[in-house]
């Protein structure tokens, strides 16, 4: 999961829209003019990766995701800190999550909750978590569908490649350009 920190300032178009339509609906023709620019900036901040599964994501693909759902937190509908770019796969990520609450959100430090198995590419609760934290990690993986076979298989492939690289400089260079880099970072310490 990306440890999302919005480094770029909130887009002026989003701020202006929110000012003109406080509490306004998300699905409007007026907001449709803002959406592509917002999705492009979120994609740039996330280095072209889905906020949840870390798959490659083109800026025109996917959707703008509300980390805290609009249904449960309508006051955060247009809050930039609550927005991310997510893939639109039906069996994982934002569409799988729907209105559920994420126990572990894509924020700084979130990956301390997860460990990646190099054997099968699956995410599991990290060692040394409390029982409650391990349950939060497990629930987050389930809510987001992060262990669907296609994702696990891809992560396993990258893990095998990382393990095969002998030169640490090669590993660092490889990690800088691949998807799943947040999830795979733990393998560098093994």
Protein backbone atom coordinates (compact mmCIF):
# COMPACT_ATOMS: atom_id res chain seq x y z
CA UNK A 1 0.00 0.00 0.00
CA UNK A 2 1.35 3.44 -0.83
CA UNK A 3 2.25 5.53 2.19
CA UNK A 4 0.36 8.49 0.77
CA UNK A 5 1.47 11.99 1.62
CA UNK A 6 0.22 14.75 -0.62
CA UNK A 7 3.43 16.60 -1.44
CA UNK A 8 1.79 18.84 -4.01
CA UNK A 9 -0.57 21.59 -2.91
CA UNK A 10 -4.29 21.07 -3.22
CA UNK A 11 -5.29 21.88 -6.80
CA UNK A 12 -6.77 25.35 -7.10
CA UNK A 13 -9.60 23.94 -9.24
CA UNK A 14 -10.67 21.63 -6.41
CA UNK A 15 -10.51 24.43 -3.86
CA UNK A 16 -12.51 26.72 -6.16
CA UNK A 17 -15.14 24.05 -6.79
CA UNK A 18 -15.49 23.34 -3.07
CA UNK A 19 -15.85 27.08 -2.43
CA UNK A 20 -18.62 27.42 -5.03
CA UNK A 21 -20.37 24.18 -4.05
CA UNK A 22 -19.81 23.56 -0.32
CA UNK A 23 -21.19 20.15 0.44
CA UNK A 24 -22.12 19.85 -3.24
CA UNK A 25 -22.53 16.47 -4.90
CA UNK A 26 -19.58 14.53 -6.27
CA UNK A 27 -21.33 13.31 -9.41
CA UNK A 28 -22.10 16.49 -11.37
CA UNK A 29 -21.30 17.79 -14.83
CA UNK A 30 -19.65 20.80 -13.19
CA UNK A 31 -17.24 18.62 -11.22
CA UNK A 32 -16.54 16.50 -14.30
CA UNK A 33 -14.37 19.38 -15.56
CA UNK A 34 -12.20 19.17 -12.41
CA UNK A 35 -11.97 15.38 -12.23
CA UNK A 36 -9.33 14.72 -14.99
CA UNK A 37 -6.93 17.33 -13.60
CA UNK A 38 -7.38 16.00 -10.08
CA UNK A 39 -6.86 12.38 -11.19
CA UNK A 40 -3.72 13.43 -13.10
CA UNK A 41 -2.23 15.12 -10.02
CA UNK A 42 -3.05 12.20 -7.74
CA UNK A 43 -1.49 9.81 -10.27
CA UNK A 44 1.64 11.95 -10.37
CA UNK A 45 1.93 11.99 -6.57
CA UNK A 46 1.48 8.21 -6.45
CA UNK A 47 4.10 7.70 -9.17
CA UNK A 48 1.60 6.00 -11.47
CA UNK A 49 0.58 3.33 -8.96
CA UNK A 50 -2.77 2.42 -7.42
CA UNK A 51 -2.88 3.66 -3.83
CA UNK A 52 -3.96 0.26 -2.50
CA UNK A 53 -2.57 -2.59 -4.60
CA UNK A 54 0.37 -0.63 -6.11
CA UNK A 55 -0.30 -1.90 -9.64
CA UNK A 56 0.66 0.38 -12.50
CA UNK A 57 -2.12 2.86 -13.18
CA UNK A 58 -2.28 5.31 -16.07
CA UNK A 59 -3.61 8.74 -15.21
CA UNK A 60 -6.69 8.35 -17.42
CA UNK A 61 -7.53 4.95 -15.90
CA UNK A 62 -8.98 4.10 -12.52
CA UNK A 63 -10.99 6.45 -10.38
CA UNK A 64 -10.60 9.04 -7.66
CA UNK A 65 -10.94 7.16 -4.41
CA UNK A 66 -12.25 8.48 -1.10
CA UNK A 67 -10.08 6.83 1.57
CA UNK A 68 -12.79 7.56 4.11
CA UNK A 69 -16.00 6.88 2.18
CA UNK A 70 -18.34 9.66 1.08
CA UNK A 71 -21.25 7.73 2.57
CA UNK A 72 -19.80 7.70 6.07
CA UNK A 73 -17.84 10.97 5.89
CA UNK A 74 -19.70 13.37 3.56
CA UNK A 75 -17.76 16.30 5.03
CA UNK A 76 -14.57 14.82 3.49
CA UNK A 77 -15.98 14.43 -0.04
CA UNK A 78 -13.83 17.24 -1.44
CA UNK A 79 -10.99 17.15 1.14
CA UNK A 80 -7.79 16.66 -0.82
CA UNK A 81 -6.16 14.74 2.06
CA UNK A 82 -8.94 12.12 1.71
CA UNK A 83 -8.49 11.59 -2.03
CA UNK A 84 -6.30 9.08 -3.86
CA UNK A 85 -6.07 7.39 -7.26
CA UNK A 86 -7.24 3.77 -7.26
CA UNK A 87 -7.52 1.14 -9.94
CA UNK A 88 -11.04 0.12 -10.93
CA UNK A 89 -10.72 -3.64 -10.67
CA UNK A 90 -14.00 -5.19 -9.47
CA UNK A 91 -12.32 -7.78 -7.20
CA UNK A 92 -9.88 -5.56 -5.32
CA UNK A 93 -9.05 -2.01 -4.18
CA UNK A 94 -11.55 0.86 -4.12
CA UNK A 95 -14.50 -0.86 -5.80
CA UNK A 96 -14.06 -3.86 -3.51
CA UNK A 97 -13.86 -1.58 -0.45
CA UNK A 98 -17.03 0.36 -1.25
CA UNK A 99 -18.21 2.08 1.97
CA UNK A 100 -16.25 -0.11 4.38
CA UNK A 101 -13.91 1.47 6.92
CA UNK A 102 -10.25 0.66 6.43
CA UNK A 103 -8.57 -0.29 9.70
CA UNK A 104 -5.20 0.62 8.11
CA UNK A 105 -5.31 3.56 5.71
CA UNK A 106 -2.69 4.37 3.05
CA UNK A 107 -0.80 6.87 5.20
CA UNK A 108 2.82 7.23 6.36
CA UNK A 109 3.83 4.17 8.36
CA UNK A 110 0.99 1.95 7.14
CA UNK A 111 3.32 -0.72 5.76
CA UNK A 112 4.60 -1.62 9.22
CA UNK A 113 1.36 -3.61 9.46
CA UNK A 114 2.11 -5.87 6.49
CA UNK A 115 4.65 -8.51 5.51
CA UNK A 116 5.03 -9.92 2.03
CA UNK A 117 5.71 -13.61 1.55
CA UNK A 118 8.34 -14.06 -1.15
CA UNK A 119 7.13 -17.66 -1.51
CA UNK A 120 3.61 -16.86 -2.70
CA UNK A 121 3.38 -13.05 -2.99
CA UNK A 122 0.63 -12.77 -0.40
CA UNK A 123 0.36 -10.03 2.20
CA UNK A 124 -0.08 -10.99 5.85
CA UNK A 125 0.10 -9.18 9.17
CA UNK A 126 3.69 -8.31 10.02
CA UNK A 127 5.48 -9.98 12.90
CA UNK A 128 5.66 -8.13 16.20
CA UNK A 129 2.19 -6.60 15.91
CA UNK A 130 -0.20 -6.74 18.79
CA UNK A 131 -3.16 -9.07 18.33
CA UNK A 132 -5.40 -6.07 17.62
CA UNK A 133 -2.96 -4.64 15.05
CA UNK A 134 -2.64 -8.03 13.34
CA UNK A 135 -6.43 -8.16 13.07
CA UNK A 136 -6.45 -4.64 11.58
CA UNK A 137 -3.87 -5.69 8.99
CA UNK A 138 -5.75 -8.86 8.11
CA UNK A 139 -9.08 -6.99 7.87
CA UNK A 140 -7.52 -4.36 5.59
CA UNK A 141 -6.10 -7.00 3.23
CA UNK A 142 -9.52 -8.70 3.11
CA UNK A 143 -11.54 -5.49 2.63
CA UNK A 144 -9.31 -4.41 -0.25
CA UNK A 145 -8.92 -7.90 -1.74
CA UNK A 146 -5.14 -7.48 -1.82
CA UNK A 147 -4.44 -11.20 -1.98
CA UNK A 148 -6.40 -12.01 -5.13
CA UNK A 149 -4.34 -14.54 -7.12
CA UNK A 150 -3.35 -12.14 -9.91
CA UNK A 151 -1.85 -9.61 -7.48
CA UNK A 152 -0.09 -12.27 -5.39
CA UNK A 153 1.37 -13.87 -8.53
CA UNK A 154 2.73 -10.51 -9.77
CA UNK A 155 4.25 -9.63 -6.40
CA UNK A 156 5.86 -13.08 -6.21
CA UNK A 157 7.47 -12.53 -9.63
CA UNK A 158 9.00 -9.24 -8.56
CA UNK A 159 10.13 -10.80 -5.26
CA UNK A 160 11.93 -13.59 -7.14
CA UNK A 161 13.70 -11.02 -9.31
CA UNK A 162 14.76 -8.94 -6.30
CA UNK A 163 16.16 -12.03 -4.57
CA UNK A 164 18.11 -12.93 -7.74
CA UNK A 165 19.84 -9.55 -7.96
CA UNK A 166 23.26 -9.76 -6.33
CA UNK A 167 24.30 -6.11 -6.40
CA UNK A 168 22.49 -3.88 -3.87
CA UNK A 169 22.73 -1.00 -6.36
CA UNK A 170 20.81 -3.11 -8.88
CA UNK A 171 18.13 -3.85 -6.29
CA UNK A 172 17.78 -0.15 -5.47
CA UNK A 173 17.54 0.80 -9.16
CA UNK A 174 15.01 -1.98 -9.83
CA UNK A 175 12.89 -1.00 -6.82
CA UNK A 176 12.69 2.59 -8.06
CA UNK A 177 10.87 1.62 -11.25
CA UNK A 178 8.63 -1.35 -10.42
CA UNK A 179 5.07 -1.56 -9.16
CA UNK A 180 4.48 -3.03 -5.68
CA UNK A 181 7.62 -1.24 -4.44
CA UNK A 182 6.07 -0.32 -1.08
CA UNK A 183 5.04 -3.92 -0.38
CA UNK A 184 8.37 -5.30 -1.59
CA UNK A 185 10.55 -3.02 0.56
CA UNK A 186 10.44 -5.45 3.46
CA UNK A 187 12.31 -8.02 1.37
CA UNK A 188 15.34 -5.74 1.25
CA UNK A 189 15.82 -6.25 4.99
CA UNK A 190 15.56 -10.07 4.88
